[in-house]
């Protein structure tokens, strides 16, 4: 895995620099990379990309065509299509998911945003969601994009994940900590 990330990082940085060079294109590049990543993750596509009988041009053309069909040809830029061709020439099309993930981290850093996840035992309303997002924003000094999910196994409370930060205020987490203290 570390080797894959090491190989994918320069491509993600190159994509990021290309996106930054086009004013306001970070979000567009993010979307294009996500679509291309989904295309490359498909099992049939993985077999096709591994086929030694196909040229790199044929492989890149198939990926580009599928991306255009899924997302809309007008939304893809010629520069992005050339980026896909470069990946094909270097036999890196299967690394699109890793490239997209690294790109997202670079974009979040540049835009001073963080993806956060709020996991609760019960659904939260909009005011609770806003309070959590505001507190995280104060603590992390970044804009927070909060995704809420329900996990009934928590019994009560919540778990918040934002980057490396994990706040476990769930009843299950508290019971686990209590059991650990009692074992000592």
Foldseek 3Di string as FASTA:
>chain_A
DVVLLVVLVVLLVVLLVVQVVPPPRLVLSLVLLVLLQVQLPDPVLVVVLPDPVDALVRNLVVSLVSSCVVPNVVSDDPVVSVSSSVCSVVSNSNSSVSSSVSNVVVVCVVQQEWEKEKEFLDDDDPVVVVVVQVVVCVVSVGRYDYDYDYDNVLVGDIWMDIPPDIDDPTPVVVVVVVVVVVVD
